Amino acid sequence: MNQNSTRGLYRMIGSRLFSVFTGALLVGSLCDCTTIKEMLAGSAPTSLNFKAGLAPTVQITSPRDSDSFSSGQITEFEGQGTDLFEGQLPSSSLSWWSSVDGPLGSGSAISARLSGGTAEPTYHRITLRGVNKAGLPAEQSITVVVAQQGKARRASPRQHDAAAQAENATAAVHQSDR
């Protein structure tokens, strides 16, 4: 059985519903399979709200990985999130985090003054996190450098690793607080 609706093309195989577009199994325990069978037969409404089990995607569009900023400079962050079923994630579902400064704000575009860089360059692992309506998260991270004006430089792979380790340690502490 096939159904072509605004949510995509689906195929019942046995008692399981698959998305023909992605090939993903749509988990039966999250929806009423009887209603889905009726929908596919044309005897039920053609729109259903169910969790597909697919995480959204997020992308940091600005700044770029390894960009450098002067100490005290306000930095503009931009990103977006998309979901296969929801389309563009609302700005309110996007949040920004620094491995050094912690939470930076929420939204698709924010401004923040990153700390450090007065004596030695400071490497921030910046993470954009998005969550879809099903509560499934996605993250993307980059590393940026804050340094004294005129001393800013690009982050090396070793510095990326150090920033990532600092972020993982900070995230572990925050997870244990919950």
C-alpha atoms as a PDB file:
ATOM      1  CA  MET A   1       0.000   0.000   0.000  1.00  0.00           C
ATOM      2  CA  ASN A   2       1.249   3.493  -0.784  1.00  0.00           C
ATOM      3  CA  GLN A   3      -0.002   6.868   0.315  1.00  0.00           C
ATOM      4  CA  ASN A   4       1.099  10.153  -1.183  1.00  0.00           C
ATOM      5  CA  SER A   5       0.384  12.974   1.274  1.00  0.00           C
ATOM      6  CA  THR A   6       1.902  16.250   2.394  1.00  0.00           C
ATOM      7  CA  ARG A   7       4.035  14.271   4.854  1.00  0.00           C
ATOM      8  CA  GLY A   8       5.608  12.081   2.179  1.00  0.00           C
ATOM      9  CA  LEU A   9       5.194   8.700   0.557  1.00  0.00           C
ATOM     10  CA  TYR A  10       4.837   5.788   2.976  1.00  0.00           C
ATOM     11  CA  ARG A  11       4.719   2.022   2.518  1.00  0.00           C
ATOM     12  CA  MET A  12       3.334  -0.587   4.870  1.00  0.00           C
ATOM     13  CA  ILE A  13       5.506  -3.695   5.029  1.00  0.00           C
ATOM     14  CA  GLY A  14       3.830  -6.190   7.313  1.00  0.00           C
ATOM     15  CA  SER A  15       2.773  -4.158  10.354  1.00  0.00           C
ATOM     16  CA  ARG A  16       5.546  -1.579   9.944  1.00  0.00           C
ATOM     17  CA  LEU A  17       5.358   1.798   8.237  1.00  0.00           C
ATOM     18  CA  PHE A  18       8.381   2.957   6.250  1.00  0.00           C
ATOM     19  CA  SER A  19       9.084   6.332   4.711  1.00  0.00           C
ATOM     20  CA  VAL A  20       9.742   5.678   1.035  1.00  0.00           C
ATOM     21  CA  PHE A  21      11.582   9.015   0.811  1.00  0.00           C
ATOM     22  CA  THR A  22      14.163   8.231   3.522  1.00  0.00           C
ATOM     23  CA  GLY A  23      13.818   4.483   3.918  1.00  0.00           C
ATOM     24  CA  ALA A  24      13.449   5.059   7.659  1.00  0.00           C
ATOM     25  CA  LEU A  25      11.252   2.851   9.807  1.00  0.00           C
ATOM     26  CA  LEU A  26       8.527   4.912  11.441  1.00  0.00           C
ATOM     27  CA  VAL A  27       8.256   3.288  14.850  1.00  0.00           C
ATOM     28  CA  GLY A  28       4.855   1.651  15.322  1.00  0.00           C
ATOM     29  CA  SER A  29       4.769   2.177  19.088  1.00  0.00           C
ATOM     30  CA  LEU A  30       4.730   5.928  18.513  1.00  0.00           C
ATOM     31  CA  CYS A  31       1.612   5.885  16.351  1.00  0.00           C
ATOM     32  CA  ASP A  32      -1.658   3.992  15.918  1.00  0.00           C
ATOM     33  CA  CYS A  33      -0.957   1.455  13.164  1.00  0.00           C
ATOM     34  CA  THR A  34      -4.699   0.794  12.726  1.00  0.00           C
ATOM     35  CA  THR A  35      -5.202   4.470  11.919  1.00  0.00           C
ATOM     36  CA  ILE A  36      -2.235   4.367   9.531  1.00  0.00           C
ATOM     37  CA  LYS A  37      -3.704   1.347   7.713  1.00  0.00           C
ATOM     38  CA  GLU A  38      -7.040   3.170   7.456  1.00  0.00           C
ATOM     39  CA  MET A  39      -5.248   6.283   6.182  1.00  0.00           C
ATOM     40  CA  LEU A  40      -3.426   4.263   3.557  1.00  0.00           C
ATOM     41  CA  ALA A  41      -6.704   2.639   2.494  1.00  0.00           C
ATOM     42  CA  GLY A  42      -8.264   6.098   2.167  1.00  0.00           C
ATOM     43  CA  SER A  43     -10.793   5.715   5.003  1.00  0.00           C
ATOM     44  CA  ALA A  44      -9.103   7.976   7.584  1.00  0.00           C
ATOM     45  CA  PRO A  45      -7.775  11.547   7.621  1.00  0.00           C
ATOM     46  CA  THR A  46      -4.586  11.866   5.568  1.00  0.00           C
ATOM     47  CA  SER A  47      -2.622  13.819   8.159  1.00  0.00           C
ATOM     48  CA  LEU A  48      -1.113  12.186  11.218  1.00  0.00           C
ATOM     49  CA  ASN A  49       1.154  13.562  13.886  1.00  0.00           C
ATOM     50  CA  PHE A  50       3.687  10.976  15.014  1.00  0.00           C
ATOM     51  CA  LYS A  51       7.322  10.878  15.978  1.00  0.00           C
ATOM     52  CA  ALA A  52       9.439   9.502  13.170  1.00  0.00           C
ATOM     53  CA  GLY A  53      12.532   8.964  15.280  1.00  0.00           C
ATOM     54  CA  LEU A  54      14.698  11.087  12.975  1.00  0.00           C
ATOM     55  CA  ALA A  55      16.774  13.858  14.526  1.00  0.00           C
ATOM     56  CA  PRO A  56      16.860  17.289  12.914  1.00  0.00           C
ATOM     57  CA  THR A  57      20.037  18.840  11.515  1.00  0.00           C
ATOM     58  CA  VAL A  58      21.663  22.127  12.505  1.00  0.00           C
ATOM     59  CA  GLN A  59      24.274  24.239  10.766  1.00  0.00           C
ATOM     60  CA  ILE A  60      26.417  27.098  12.023  1.00  0.00           C
ATOM     61  CA  THR A  61      26.603  29.546   9.129  1.00  0.00           C
ATOM     62  CA  SER A  62      28.670  32.232  10.862  1.00  0.00           C
ATOM     63  CA  PRO A  63      31.376  32.436  12.114  1.00  0.00           C
ATOM     64  CA  ARG A  64      33.423  29.798  10.330  1.00  0.00           C
ATOM     65  CA  ASP A  65      35.428  27.127  12.085  1.00  0.00           C
ATOM     66  CA  SER A  66      38.851  28.519  13.197  1.00  0.00           C
ATOM     67  CA  ASP A  67      37.841  32.197  12.857  1.00  0.00           C
ATOM     68  CA  SER A  68      39.673  34.635  15.156  1.00  0.00           C
ATOM     69  CA  PHE A  69      38.309  37.603  17.099  1.00  0.00           C
ATOM     70  CA  SER A  70      39.915  40.390  19.097  1.00  0.00           C
ATOM     71  CA  SER A  71      39.525  40.413  22.857  1.00  0.00           C
ATOM     72  CA  GLY A  72      36.419  42.419  23.799  1.00  0.00           C
ATOM     73  CA  GLN A  73      34.926  42.211  20.296  1.00  0.00           C
ATOM     74  CA  ILE A  74      31.229  41.425  19.951  1.00  0.00           C
ATOM     75  CA  THR A  75      30.820  38.318  17.814  1.00  0.00           C
ATOM     76  CA  GLU A  76      27.799  37.603  15.639  1.00  0.00           C
ATOM     77  CA  PHE A  77      26.616  33.972  15.541  1.00  0.00           C
ATOM     78  CA  GLU A  78      24.178  32.687  12.939  1.00  0.00           C
ATOM     79  CA  GLY A  79      22.770  29.235  12.362  1.00  0.00           C
ATOM     80  CA  GLN A  80      19.739  27.281  11.339  1.00  0.00           C
ATOM     81  CA  GLY A  81      18.046  23.978  11.922  1.00  0.00           C
ATOM     82  CA  THR A  82      15.878  21.815   9.715  1.00  0.00           C
ATOM     83  CA  ASP A  83      13.738  18.758  10.282  1.00  0.00           C
ATOM     84  CA  LEU A  84      12.508  16.305   7.662  1.00  0.00           C
ATOM     85  CA  PHE A  85       8.898  16.648   8.818  1.00  0.00           C
ATOM     86  CA  GLU A  86       8.794  20.130  10.372  1.00  0.00           C
ATOM     87  CA  GLY A  87      10.945  21.953   7.834  1.00  0.00           C
ATOM     88  CA  GLN A  88      12.797  24.958   9.297  1.00  0.00           C
ATOM     89  CA  LEU A  89      13.137  24.697  13.093  1.00  0.00           C
ATOM     90  CA  PRO A  90      11.793  27.725  14.964  1.00  0.00           C
ATOM     91  CA  SER A  91      14.449  30.130  16.206  1.00  0.00           C
ATOM     92  CA  SER A  92      13.317  29.451  19.780  1.00  0.00           C
ATOM     93  CA  SER A  93      14.447  25.806  19.467  1.00  0.00           C
ATOM     94  CA  LEU A  94      18.089  26.792  18.766  1.00  0.00           C
ATOM     95  CA  SER A  95      20.580  27.458  21.585  1.00  0.00           C
ATOM     96  CA  TRP A  96      24.257  28.461  21.624  1.00  0.00           C
ATOM     97  CA  TRP A  97      26.964  27.303  24.041  1.00  0.00           C
ATOM     98  CA  SER A  98      30.643  28.147  24.604  1.00  0.00           C
ATOM     99  CA  SER A  99      33.066  25.703  26.233  1.00  0.00           C
ATOM    100  CA  VAL A 100      34.544  28.694  28.102  1.00  0.00           C
ATOM    101  CA  ASP A 101      31.590  31.000  28.794  1.00  0.00           C
ATOM    102  CA  GLY A 102      28.713  28.513  28.977  1.00  0.00           C
ATOM    103  CA  PRO A 103      25.299  29.499  27.556  1.00  0.00           C
ATOM    104  CA  LEU A 104      25.494  32.333  25.000  1.00  0.00           C
ATOM    105  CA  GLY A 105      21.831  32.683  24.100  1.00  0.00           C
ATOM    106  CA  SER A 106      19.102  31.241  21.924  1.00  0.00           C
ATOM    107  CA  GLY A 107      17.853  31.943  18.432  1.00  0.00           C
ATOM    108  CA  SER A 108      19.059  31.697  14.869  1.00  0.00           C
ATOM    109  CA  ALA A 109      21.145  34.881  15.250  1.00  0.00           C
ATOM    110  CA  ILE A 110      22.777  36.129  18.451  1.00  0.00           C
ATOM    111  CA  SER A 111      25.555  38.507  19.489  1.00  0.00           C
ATOM    112  CA  ALA A 112      27.988  37.723  22.290  1.00  0.00           C
ATOM    113  CA  ARG A 113      31.272  38.985  23.690  1.00  0.00           C
ATOM    114  CA  LEU A 114      33.488  35.950  24.217  1.00  0.00           C
ATOM    115  CA  SER A 115      35.846  36.092  27.198  1.00  0.00           C
ATOM    116  CA  GLY A 116      39.595  35.665  27.271  1.00  0.00           C
ATOM    117  CA  GLY A 117      42.401  36.541  24.968  1.00  0.00           C
ATOM    118  CA  THR A 118      43.948  39.238  27.125  1.00  0.00           C
ATOM    119  CA  ALA A 119      47.250  37.481  27.885  1.00  0.00           C
ATOM    120  CA  GLU A 120      47.087  34.317  25.782  1.00  0.00           C
ATOM    121  CA  PRO A 121      44.680  33.277  23.026  1.00  0.00           C
ATOM    122  CA  THR A 122      41.518  31.605  24.340  1.00  0.00           C
ATOM    123  CA  TYR A 123      39.942  28.780  22.323  1.00  0.00           C
ATOM    124  CA  HIS A 124      36.163  28.509  22.509  1.00  0.00           C
ATOM    125  CA  ARG A 125      34.308  25.448  21.269  1.00  0.00           C
ATOM    126  CA  ILE A 126      31.000  26.944  20.091  1.00  0.00           C
ATOM    127  CA  THR A 127      28.029  24.574  19.849  1.00  0.00           C
ATOM    128  CA  LEU A 128      24.666  25.192  18.218  1.00  0.00           C
ATOM    129  CA  ARG A 129      21.973  22.812  19.468  1.00  0.00           C
ATOM    130  CA  GLY A 130      18.536  22.414  17.923  1.00  0.00           C
ATOM    131  CA  VAL A 131      15.588  20.356  19.142  1.00  0.00           C
ATOM    132  CA  ASN A 132      12.575  19.351  17.040  1.00  0.00           C
ATOM    133  CA  LYS A 133       8.969  19.030  18.290  1.00  0.00           C
ATOM    134  CA  ALA A 134       9.561  15.331  19.019  1.00  0.00           C
ATOM    135  CA  GLY A 135      12.323  16.386  21.448  1.00  0.00           C
ATOM    136  CA  LEU A 136      15.126  14.954  19.316  1.00  0.00           C
ATOM    137  CA  PRO A 137      18.351  17.030  19.421  1.00  0.00           C
ATOM    138  CA  ALA A 138      21.084  17.829  16.907  1.00  0.00           C
ATOM    139  CA  GLU A 139      24.360  19.701  17.438  1.00  0.00           C
ATOM    140  CA  GLN A 140      27.161  21.231  15.412  1.00  0.00           C
ATOM    141  CA  SER A 141      30.360  22.682  16.906  1.00  0.00           C
ATOM    142  CA  ILE A 142      33.170  24.907  15.712  1.00  0.00           C
ATOM    143  CA  THR A 143      36.253  26.339  17.429  1.00  0.00           C
ATOM    144  CA  VAL A 144      36.995  30.075  17.438  1.00  0.00           C
ATOM    145  CA  VAL A 145      39.952  31.986  18.893  1.00  0.00           C
ATOM    146  CA  VAL A 146      39.850  35.140  21.036  1.00  0.00           C
ATOM    147  CA  ALA A 147      43.175  37.002  21.241  1.00  0.00           C
ATOM    148  CA  GLN A 148      44.582  40.491  21.805  1.00  0.00           C
ATOM    149  CA  GLN A 149      44.060  42.770  18.852  1.00  0.00           C
ATOM    150  CA  GLY A 150      46.793  42.126  16.295  1.00  0.00           C
ATOM    151  CA  LYS A 151      47.604  38.734  17.838  1.00  0.00           C
ATOM    152  CA  ALA A 152      44.552  36.830  16.634  1.00  0.00           C
ATOM    153  CA  ARG A 153      45.342  33.643  14.747  1.00  0.00           C
ATOM    154  CA  ARG A 154      43.574  30.611  13.394  1.00  0.00           C
ATOM    155  CA  ALA A 155      43.044  27.573  15.609  1.00  0.00           C
ATOM    156  CA  SER A 156      45.260  24.564  14.961  1.00  0.00           C
ATOM    157  CA  PRO A 157      43.890  20.982  15.025  1.00  0.00           C
ATOM    158  CA  ARG A 158      45.566  20.411  18.421  1.00  0.00           C
ATOM    159  CA  GLN A 159      43.818  23.493  19.822  1.00  0.00           C
ATOM    160  CA  HIS A 160      40.515  22.225  18.370  1.00  0.00           C
ATOM    161  CA  ASP A 161      41.037  18.988  20.323  1.00  0.00           C
ATOM    162  CA  ALA A 162      41.817  20.879  23.549  1.00  0.00           C
ATOM    163  CA  ALA A 163      38.667  22.988  23.157  1.00  0.00           C
ATOM    164  CA  ALA A 164      36.589  19.864  22.479  1.00  0.00           C
ATOM    165  CA  GLN A 165      37.992  18.139  25.586  1.00  0.00           C
ATOM    166  CA  ALA A 166      37.149  21.192  27.685  1.00  0.00           C
ATOM    167  CA  GLU A 167      33.620  21.170  26.267  1.00  0.00           C
ATOM    168  CA  ASN A 168      33.169  17.458  27.022  1.00  0.00           C
ATOM    169  CA  ALA A 169      34.342  17.974  30.621  1.00  0.00           C
ATOM    170  CA  THR A 170      31.946  20.913  31.050  1.00  0.00           C
ATOM    171  CA  ALA A 171      29.055  18.940  29.529  1.00  0.00           C
ATOM    172  CA  ALA A 172      29.748  16.015  31.878  1.00  0.00           C
ATOM    173  CA  VAL A 173      29.546  18.352  34.881  1.00  0.00           C
ATOM    174  CA  HIS A 174      26.256  19.815  33.632  1.00  0.00           C
ATOM    175  CA  GLN A 175      24.807  16.323  33.007  1.00  0.00           C
ATOM    176  CA  SER A 176      25.636  15.275  36.578  1.00  0.00           C
ATOM    177  CA  ASP A 177      23.859  18.401  37.885  1.00  0.00           C
ATOM    178  CA  ARG A 178      20.537  17.228  36.408  1.00  0.00           C
END
